[in-house]
C-alpha cells in the first residue's frame, strides 16, 4: 500500500523486527492455490514449526488476505486440510508458536481448551505476572499463613498494604486460587 516505516514497506519492516533477513516480496501470487500461497509465505524452522514470514495481526499471528478480508494464516491452513472450523471452535497451537502454520502443530478445540493450555504452559498473566498485582506469590502464602495462625485480617492487610477485602479473598481462595 506504499506506506513506509524506517524506509521499509510494512512487510520488510516486519521481517526486520523479527530479526529475519529481508527477502524479496512476491506480492502477485495470482493463480496459486491457497495451500501454495500459505507454503510460499512461510518457511521451515529448526524447531519443526513452519513459520509465517509475511504480514502479522496486531496480536502476533500470521495474516493473509483471502477473499476480501484478512484471516489468520493458521486458521486457513486448518481449513485447507480439514474444512471449515465449526462454530464456537478455535485452532490451537501445540507448539505455542503463534507464527506456526505447520498442520501437524494445529489442533481444533474450544476457547476454554485454549485458555487451559495457556495456564498449563505458564503463558498466562496470573499472580505477580499480572500488571496490576501488588503482591508476590510469597506474600500471598505469608498472608494465608498469618491469618490461619490467628492474625486479624485487618492487621495483616495493613502490613501488606492491601485492603481487608483483598486478604479475605486471598484466604477464601477467591483470588490467587492457583497457589496452594
Foldseek 3Di string as FASTA:
>chain_A
DPDDDPRHDPLQVVCVVVVHDRDDDDPDPPPDDLVVVLLVQWDADPVRFTFGRGDADPVGFDWDDDDHDIDGSLQVLCCVPPNHQDPQKDKAACVPHRRGNPNVRIDIGHVVVNVVVCVVVVNDCAAPSPPPDQDHPVLLVVLLVCVVVPDQLCVSCVVSVHHSVVSVCSNVCVGPVVRD
